[in-house]
Amino acid sequence: MRNKVRNISKKITYSIGSPTSIVLHTIFFVGIFTLSLFGVSFENILLVLTTIVSLEAIYLSIFIQMTVNKHREDLEEVSEDIGEIQEDVDAIQEDVDAIQEEVGELQEDIEEINEEEELDEHGVEMKKLEHIENTLQTLLNEIANLKK
């Protein structure tokens, strides 16, 4: 029931702000004043018109406030989403920083291994170097994926 009322009020709000509404209001006002041609007193016309316009103004202000409230709720939701996205970006940045530190350490290890490799001719150090290079390549791929 509550959603039905909301949907009806939304439709009314949208229709009031339409060109059709302007045309209908203009026809109504012209029609009200033409009642004097049919013998209705001008005082009665003004009384009815004033009453109708006052009631319409009350309802219009309610519809305007409903629209303002809806926009406020939407903005609050967007603000919350932005906050969550910022937290995610901060967490990703921390991960990227940590990976970059690891990459730096691996590069230092590679330099050490390269120096040791010159002294070691048995190939054991070469396997370590290949392992470190593979790990480094994996980390670089992860950094590239995180930056996307």
Protein backbone atom coordinates (compact mmCIF):
# COMPACT_ATOMS: atom_id res chain seq x y z
CA MET A 1 0.00 0.00 0.00
CA ARG A 2 2.80 2.39 0.94
CA ASN A 3 4.69 1.72 -2.29
CA LYS A 4 1.50 2.20 -4.27
CA VAL A 5 1.02 5.64 -2.70
CA ARG A 6 4.66 6.51 -3.45
CA ASN A 7 4.31 5.46 -7.07
CA ILE A 8 1.13 7.50 -7.47
CA SER A 9 2.75 10.55 -5.89
CA LYS A 10 5.77 10.19 -8.20
CA LYS A 11 3.51 10.07 -11.24
CA ILE A 12 1.60 13.13 -10.05
CA THR A 13 4.85 15.00 -9.38
CA TYR A 14 6.14 14.22 -12.88
CA SER A 15 2.85 15.16 -14.53
CA ILE A 16 2.58 18.48 -12.67
CA GLY A 17 5.93 19.54 -14.08
CA SER A 18 4.95 18.77 -17.67
CA PRO A 19 3.88 20.96 -20.61
CA THR A 20 0.51 19.19 -20.54
CA SER A 21 -0.04 20.51 -17.03
CA ILE A 22 0.57 24.07 -18.20
CA VAL A 23 -1.97 23.67 -20.99
CA LEU A 24 -4.57 22.13 -18.67
CA HIS A 25 -4.12 24.86 -16.05
CA THR A 26 -4.45 27.56 -18.69
CA ILE A 27 -7.65 26.00 -20.05
CA PHE A 28 -9.00 25.68 -16.50
CA PHE A 29 -8.33 29.33 -15.63
CA VAL A 30 -9.83 30.59 -18.89
CA GLY A 31 -12.83 28.32 -18.30
CA ILE A 32 -13.35 29.59 -14.76
CA PHE A 33 -13.44 33.20 -15.90
CA THR A 34 -15.83 32.40 -18.76
CA LEU A 35 -18.37 31.29 -16.15
CA SER A 36 -19.20 34.97 -15.76
CA LEU A 37 -20.64 34.83 -19.30
CA PHE A 38 -23.14 32.24 -18.03
CA GLY A 39 -24.38 34.41 -15.19
CA VAL A 40 -22.13 33.25 -12.34
CA SER A 41 -21.19 36.21 -10.14
CA PHE A 42 -17.57 37.38 -10.26
CA GLU A 43 -17.33 37.14 -6.43
CA ASN A 44 -18.33 33.45 -6.52
CA ILE A 45 -15.84 32.79 -9.31
CA LEU A 46 -13.04 34.41 -7.29
CA LEU A 47 -14.07 32.53 -4.15
CA VAL A 48 -13.96 29.15 -5.90
CA LEU A 49 -10.80 30.00 -7.80
CA THR A 50 -9.01 31.22 -4.67
CA THR A 51 -9.97 28.09 -2.78
CA ILE A 52 -8.82 25.78 -5.60
CA VAL A 53 -5.54 27.65 -6.08
CA SER A 54 -4.83 27.57 -2.32
CA LEU A 55 -5.42 23.82 -2.14
CA GLU A 56 -3.28 23.28 -5.21
CA ALA A 57 -0.47 25.34 -3.68
CA ILE A 58 -0.56 23.18 -0.55
CA TYR A 59 -0.31 19.98 -2.58
CA LEU A 60 2.41 21.40 -4.81
CA SER A 61 4.53 22.30 -1.79
CA ILE A 62 4.08 18.73 -0.48
CA PHE A 63 5.15 17.28 -3.83
CA ILE A 64 8.15 19.61 -3.95
CA GLN A 65 9.22 18.55 -0.45
CA MET A 66 8.84 14.88 -1.39
CA THR A 67 11.10 15.45 -4.39
CA VAL A 68 13.66 17.25 -2.23
CA ASN A 69 13.61 14.39 0.29
CA LYS A 70 14.10 11.81 -2.48
CA HIS A 71 17.06 13.73 -3.91
CA ARG A 72 18.58 14.01 -0.43
CA GLU A 73 18.29 10.23 0.07
CA ASP A 74 19.86 9.61 -3.35
CA LEU A 75 22.74 11.95 -2.54
CA GLU A 76 23.35 10.20 0.79
CA GLU A 77 23.53 6.85 -0.99
CA VAL A 78 25.97 8.24 -3.56
CA SER A 79 28.07 9.73 -0.77
CA GLU A 80 28.22 6.35 1.00
CA ASP A 81 29.22 4.64 -2.26
CA ILE A 82 31.98 7.18 -2.81
CA GLY A 83 33.26 6.55 0.72
CA GLU A 84 33.35 2.79 0.12
CA ILE A 85 35.13 3.26 -3.20
CA GLN A 86 37.71 5.51 -1.53
CA GLU A 87 38.34 2.84 1.11
CA ASP A 88 38.83 0.24 -1.65
CA VAL A 89 41.23 2.53 -3.50
CA ASP A 90 43.22 3.10 -0.30
CA ALA A 91 43.43 -0.65 0.32
CA ILE A 92 44.55 -1.28 -3.26
CA GLN A 93 47.18 1.45 -2.94
CA GLU A 94 48.52 -0.21 0.20
CA ASP A 95 48.71 -3.54 -1.67
CA VAL A 96 50.50 -1.91 -4.59
CA ASP A 97 52.98 -0.28 -2.22
CA ALA A 98 53.66 -3.61 -0.51
CA ILE A 99 54.15 -5.35 -3.85
CA GLN A 100 56.50 -2.62 -5.01
CA GLU A 101 58.57 -3.11 -1.86
CA GLU A 102 58.72 -6.84 -2.57
CA VAL A 103 59.75 -6.15 -6.15
CA GLY A 104 62.53 -3.89 -4.89
CA GLU A 105 63.73 -6.61 -2.53
CA LEU A 106 63.62 -9.18 -5.32
CA GLN A 107 65.62 -6.92 -7.58
CA GLU A 108 68.25 -6.61 -4.85
CA ASP A 109 68.25 -10.41 -4.51
CA ILE A 110 68.73 -10.74 -8.26
CA GLU A 111 71.69 -8.39 -8.15
CA GLU A 112 73.21 -10.42 -5.31
CA ILE A 113 72.61 -13.65 -7.20
CA ASN A 114 74.16 -12.21 -10.32
CA GLU A 115 77.26 -11.34 -8.33
CA GLU A 116 77.33 -14.81 -6.73
CA GLU A 117 76.68 -16.48 -10.08
CA GLU A 118 79.90 -15.17 -11.43
CA LEU A 119 81.63 -17.06 -8.65
CA ASP A 120 79.49 -20.22 -8.89
CA GLU A 121 79.92 -22.35 -11.99
CA HIS A 122 77.77 -25.28 -10.90
CA GLY A 123 74.46 -23.76 -12.04
CA VAL A 124 72.73 -23.98 -8.65
CA GLU A 125 72.59 -20.23 -8.37
CA MET A 126 71.16 -20.00 -11.88
CA LYS A 127 68.10 -21.98 -10.77
CA LYS A 128 67.62 -19.62 -7.83
CA LEU A 129 67.86 -16.67 -10.17
CA GLU A 130 65.28 -18.16 -12.53
CA HIS A 131 62.95 -18.76 -9.57
CA ILE A 132 63.32 -15.17 -8.39
CA GLU A 133 62.79 -13.84 -11.91
CA ASN A 134 59.61 -15.89 -12.24
CA THR A 135 58.37 -14.59 -8.90
CA LEU A 136 59.22 -11.05 -9.93
CA GLN A 137 57.32 -11.46 -13.20
CA THR A 138 54.27 -12.75 -11.29
CA LEU A 139 54.37 -9.76 -8.95
CA LEU A 140 54.67 -7.34 -11.87
CA ASN A 141 51.61 -8.96 -13.46
CA GLU A 142 49.71 -8.55 -10.18
CA ILE A 143 50.68 -4.86 -10.04
CA ALA A 144 49.45 -4.37 -13.59
CA ASN A 145 46.14 -6.06 -12.72
CA LEU A 146 45.71 -3.94 -9.58
CA LYS A 147 46.33 -0.72 -11.50
CA LYS A 148 43.56 -1.63 -13.95
